[in-house]
Every structure is written in structure tokens, then in C-alpha cells.
């Protein structure tokens, strides 16, 4: 497994020279701020065999792929709108010979209205994608009732969760807990905002691509 993470880091930095994947390029920072940060999701929920997980706006695969490397028994979908980034994802999944990983080049608003992905996932993840009122509209339509969404946030986590109360109520979500995460050699505290899906998301949501960001609930 350590070799898989090493290959992942090497490929990430090699591709980053021609494709904008990450601003974090020091190997020890990749290890801490990408890999370990991604694995902090395990502080919030156990990943059990067959769990259907989707990583929304995954970019270079964070947090989804590190979790898949550690927990090979999950069924992972990586959702990313930028084709250059999904090309990297296809490459690294092939390079690491990973099964049970599906890559979708699409926007969250599109996936949330697609019958193949709407309310199909047990766990919906996002890291550094959007402010919480907007992010709620990206994540909750993908989550099954009874499932959970986890938004990985910085120091504004508590304030953003409060600002998203109306959006969560409309979309069928409820903040279950907010977990602080301290990473070695990283001065700022990170937070996992854990949202439980308590009711089905009404049909009009998510709205058309771009609308959630322009007119947050």
C-alpha cells in the first residue's frame, strides 16, 4: 500500500508540470495535506464493504482515492467536471490497477439530476469545492436517505454550516456533527462537517449548472 501512495505522489507531481492539479508540490506536504487529510474522513464514518462512495469535485482524486487505497472494498465514484483532471484520474486508476472505481466527467448539478446517480450513494464527499449553502445543493441530491455527506472545511466550517441551515432544510439534510481535525505539521485546524440525509431531496434540486453558485438557497 505504501508503494501505491508513492506511485500516486510521483504521478501527481509529474502530471502537475503540464496539467494544473495541485499547488502543493513538496513531497512531505503532499503526504500530509493531500493523503493524510483525505484519510481524516475515517474519523467521521467507518468505511464498510460495499459502501457506495462518491467524491464530488474530486480534482486529482482527493479525498476519494486515498480512501480507496486504504479501503479497497468500497465502491468509489470520482466526479469531476474538468476533462484534463479526469484524464489524470483515468491514468492513475489504471496505473494502480484499481477496481471498483468509476470516473465521471460531469458537473454535480448534472449528476444530481441523472437517475443513474441521484440518491444512489451511501457517502458523498467534497473537499474545498464551494461554500456550504452551495455545496449542500451539490451533495445532498446524490445521497440516499439515511446516508451521509461530509464536507471537508477550514476554519469557517461552523459559520458556513449555520449559513447553510436553510439549504439543508430544503434539500433534506441535517448537520449531525462537526469534527475538528489536527494534522501533524499543519498549523490550521480542519473540520469535517457531517450531514445526515433525513428526507428525499425535492425534484427541482439541484438546479441547472451554475444556478446554485449564483443563487444559493
Protein backbone atom coordinates (compact mmCIF):
# COMPACT_ATOMS: atom_id res chain seq x y z
CA UNK A 1 0.00 0.00 0.00
CA UNK A 2 2.86 2.37 0.79
CA UNK A 3 4.14 1.75 -2.75
CA UNK A 4 0.73 2.71 -4.17
CA UNK A 5 0.79 6.03 -2.32
CA UNK A 6 4.36 6.62 -3.52
CA UNK A 7 3.36 5.99 -7.16
CA UNK A 8 0.33 8.25 -6.72
CA UNK A 9 2.53 11.09 -5.41
CA UNK A 10 5.09 10.67 -8.20
CA UNK A 11 2.42 10.63 -10.94
CA UNK A 12 0.62 13.61 -9.40
CA UNK A 13 3.76 15.75 -9.44
CA UNK A 14 4.78 14.58 -12.94
CA UNK A 15 1.35 15.41 -14.40
CA UNK A 16 1.25 18.67 -12.48
CA UNK A 17 4.05 20.00 -14.66
CA UNK A 18 1.65 20.20 -17.64
CA UNK A 19 -1.81 19.97 -16.01
CA UNK A 20 -2.87 22.18 -13.11
CA UNK A 21 -3.71 19.56 -10.48
CA UNK A 22 -2.30 20.94 -7.23
CA UNK A 23 -0.49 23.93 -5.74
CA UNK A 24 1.03 21.58 -3.15
CA UNK A 25 4.23 20.14 -4.60
CA UNK A 26 6.64 19.38 -1.73
CA UNK A 27 6.52 15.58 -1.21
CA UNK A 28 6.03 15.87 2.58
CA UNK A 29 3.17 18.35 2.01
CA UNK A 30 1.51 16.01 -0.49
CA UNK A 31 1.72 13.29 2.14
CA UNK A 32 0.24 15.46 4.89
CA UNK A 33 -2.14 17.89 3.15
CA UNK A 34 -3.47 15.51 0.49
CA UNK A 35 -3.10 11.92 1.69
CA UNK A 36 -3.44 12.22 5.46
CA UNK A 37 -6.06 14.96 5.17
CA UNK A 38 -8.11 12.70 2.85
CA UNK A 39 -7.88 9.80 5.30
CA UNK A 40 -9.24 12.01 8.11
CA UNK A 41 -12.71 11.15 6.74
CA UNK A 42 -12.31 7.89 8.70
CA UNK A 43 -12.66 9.91 11.91
CA UNK A 44 -16.27 10.60 10.95
CA UNK A 45 -17.57 7.35 9.45
CA UNK A 46 -16.41 3.76 9.14
CA UNK A 47 -15.97 2.61 5.54
CA UNK A 48 -17.61 -0.81 5.30
CA UNK A 49 -17.51 -3.40 2.47
CA UNK A 50 -19.70 -2.45 -0.49
CA UNK A 51 -20.21 1.14 0.72
CA UNK A 52 -21.12 3.33 -2.27
CA UNK A 53 -19.00 6.47 -2.08
CA UNK A 54 -18.90 9.46 -4.44
CA UNK A 55 -16.24 12.19 -4.30
CA UNK A 56 -17.68 15.41 -5.76
CA UNK A 57 -15.29 17.82 -7.49
CA UNK A 58 -12.51 15.36 -6.77
CA UNK A 59 -9.81 17.18 -8.79
CA UNK A 60 -6.72 14.97 -8.60
CA UNK A 61 -8.63 12.35 -6.57
CA UNK A 62 -8.88 13.82 -3.08
CA UNK A 63 -10.24 12.58 -0.75
CA UNK A 64 -11.63 9.60 -2.69
CA UNK A 65 -8.55 7.79 -3.99
CA UNK A 66 -6.51 7.72 -0.75
CA UNK A 67 -9.59 6.30 0.98
CA UNK A 68 -9.93 3.68 -1.78
CA UNK A 69 -6.26 2.70 -1.41
CA UNK A 70 -6.75 2.15 2.32
CA UNK A 71 -10.22 0.58 1.98
CA UNK A 72 -10.22 -1.45 -1.28
CA UNK A 73 -13.65 -2.91 -0.52
CA UNK A 74 -15.63 0.32 -1.14
CA UNK A 75 -17.31 1.18 -4.45
CA UNK A 76 -15.93 4.59 -5.41
CA UNK A 77 -17.15 7.11 -7.96
CA UNK A 78 -14.97 10.14 -8.75
CA UNK A 79 -16.95 13.10 -10.09
CA UNK A 80 -15.03 15.90 -11.81
CA UNK A 81 -16.14 18.43 -14.42
CA UNK A 82 -12.69 19.19 -15.89
CA UNK A 83 -11.66 16.70 -18.59
CA UNK A 84 -7.91 17.28 -18.06
CA UNK A 85 -8.33 16.22 -14.45
CA UNK A 86 -10.41 13.15 -15.28
CA UNK A 87 -7.69 12.17 -17.78
CA UNK A 88 -5.26 12.11 -14.85
CA UNK A 89 -7.74 10.11 -12.78
CA UNK A 90 -8.15 7.54 -15.57
CA UNK A 91 -4.36 7.30 -15.78
CA UNK A 92 -3.71 6.86 -12.04
CA UNK A 93 -6.56 4.35 -11.59
CA UNK A 94 -5.13 2.31 -14.47
CA UNK A 95 -1.55 2.69 -13.21
CA UNK A 96 -2.54 1.43 -9.75
CA UNK A 97 -4.80 -1.29 -11.23
CA UNK A 98 -7.76 -0.27 -9.05
CA UNK A 99 -11.12 -1.97 -9.44
CA UNK A 100 -14.49 -0.69 -8.17
CA UNK A 101 -13.57 2.87 -9.21
CA UNK A 102 -15.73 4.77 -11.71
CA UNK A 103 -14.81 8.17 -13.12
CA UNK A 104 -17.47 10.61 -14.30
CA UNK A 105 -16.72 13.79 -16.23
CA UNK A 106 -19.73 15.89 -15.28
CA UNK A 107 -20.88 18.72 -13.07
CA UNK A 108 -22.52 17.95 -9.75
CA UNK A 109 -25.75 19.61 -10.90
CA UNK A 110 -25.91 17.19 -13.85
CA UNK A 111 -25.12 14.11 -11.77
CA UNK A 112 -27.71 15.11 -9.19
CA UNK A 113 -30.46 15.02 -11.81
CA UNK A 114 -29.25 11.82 -13.50
CA UNK A 115 -31.32 8.77 -12.50
CA UNK A 116 -28.14 6.65 -12.50
CA UNK A 117 -26.55 8.72 -9.72
CA UNK A 118 -29.36 10.65 -7.97
CA UNK A 119 -29.79 9.49 -4.35
CA UNK A 120 -27.67 6.39 -5.08
CA UNK A 121 -24.76 6.86 -2.66
CA UNK A 122 -24.24 5.97 0.99
CA UNK A 123 -21.49 8.54 1.44
CA UNK A 124 -20.95 11.78 -0.51
CA UNK A 125 -17.64 13.62 -0.04
CA UNK A 126 -16.28 17.01 -1.04
CA UNK A 127 -13.12 18.93 -0.21
CA UNK A 128 -12.60 22.61 -0.98
CA UNK A 129 -15.35 22.76 -3.60
CA UNK A 130 -17.73 25.58 -2.58
CA UNK A 131 -19.31 27.44 0.33
CA UNK A 132 -21.70 25.27 2.35
CA UNK A 133 -25.05 26.72 1.10
CA UNK A 134 -23.91 25.96 -2.47
CA UNK A 135 -22.17 22.70 -1.59
CA UNK A 136 -25.32 21.34 0.05
CA UNK A 137 -27.10 21.55 -3.31
CA UNK A 138 -24.25 19.67 -4.98
CA UNK A 139 -24.03 16.88 -2.41
CA UNK A 140 -27.44 16.07 -0.96
CA UNK A 141 -29.19 15.14 -4.25
CA UNK A 142 -26.58 12.39 -4.71
CA UNK A 143 -27.04 10.92 -1.22
CA UNK A 144 -29.59 8.25 -0.35
CA UNK A 145 -31.98 8.91 2.52
CA UNK A 146 -30.19 7.62 5.62
CA UNK A 147 -26.78 8.21 4.08
CA UNK A 148 -24.26 10.93 4.92
CA UNK A 149 -22.43 13.78 3.26
CA UNK A 150 -19.07 15.01 4.55
CA UNK A 151 -17.81 18.48 3.66
CA UNK A 152 -14.11 18.96 4.44
CA UNK A 153 -13.70 22.55 5.56
CA UNK A 154 -11.26 25.03 7.06
CA UNK A 155 -11.71 27.46 9.93
CA UNK A 156 -15.03 28.81 8.57
CA UNK A 157 -16.75 25.40 8.96
CA UNK A 158 -19.06 26.30 11.85
CA UNK A 159 -20.15 29.62 10.34
CA UNK A 160 -20.73 28.02 6.93
CA UNK A 161 -22.81 25.24 8.49
CA UNK A 162 -25.00 27.88 10.13
CA UNK A 163 -25.33 29.77 6.85
CA UNK A 164 -26.43 26.54 5.13
CA UNK A 165 -29.28 25.76 7.54
CA UNK A 166 -31.98 26.90 5.10
CA UNK A 167 -30.41 24.99 2.18
CA UNK A 168 -30.11 21.84 4.28
CA UNK A 169 -33.74 22.06 5.40
CA UNK A 170 -34.94 22.41 1.78
CA UNK A 171 -32.71 19.63 0.46
CA UNK A 172 -33.36 17.03 3.17
CA UNK A 173 -30.19 17.33 5.22
CA UNK A 174 -29.27 17.93 8.86
CA UNK A 175 -25.84 18.67 10.38
CA UNK A 176 -25.09 15.69 12.59
CA UNK A 177 -21.71 16.82 13.91
CA UNK A 178 -18.63 18.89 13.14
CA UNK A 179 -15.34 17.13 13.86
CA UNK A 180 -12.06 19.08 14.25
CA UNK A 181 -9.02 17.53 12.56
CA UNK A 182 -5.45 18.31 13.59
CA UNK A 183 -2.77 17.26 11.11
CA UNK A 184 0.95 16.99 12.02
CA UNK A 185 2.96 20.00 10.80
CA UNK A 186 -0.21 21.75 9.59
CA UNK A 187 -0.93 24.80 11.78
CA UNK A 188 -4.57 25.35 10.84
CA UNK A 189 -7.38 23.13 12.13
CA UNK A 190 -9.52 21.38 9.53
CA UNK A 191 -13.10 20.29 10.08
CA UNK A 192 -15.38 17.52 8.87
CA UNK A 193 -18.97 18.76 8.57
CA UNK A 194 -21.06 15.58 8.75
CA UNK A 195 -24.54 15.92 7.25
CA UNK A 196 -27.19 13.23 7.57
CA UNK A 197 -29.71 12.80 4.74
CA UNK A 198 -33.03 12.71 6.61
CA UNK A 199 -35.51 13.23 3.74
CA UNK A 200 -35.63 12.90 -0.05
CA UNK A 201 -34.40 15.91 -1.99
CA UNK A 202 -37.27 17.67 -3.84
CA UNK A 203 -37.24 17.08 -7.60
CA UNK A 204 -36.27 20.62 -8.71
CA UNK A 205 -32.90 20.31 -6.95
CA UNK A 206 -30.16 20.55 -7.93
CA UNK A 207 -30.97 23.42 -10.24
CA UNK A 208 -29.31 23.94 -13.63
CA UNK A 209 -25.49 24.12 -13.78
CA UNK A 210 -24.24 27.42 -12.39
CA UNK A 211 -27.50 28.40 -10.68
CA UNK A 212 -26.65 27.08 -7.17
CA UNK A 213 -23.50 29.23 -7.10
CA UNK A 214 -25.27 32.30 -8.49
CA UNK A 215 -28.34 32.00 -6.28
CA UNK A 216 -27.52 29.97 -3.15
CA UNK A 217 -30.52 28.66 -1.22
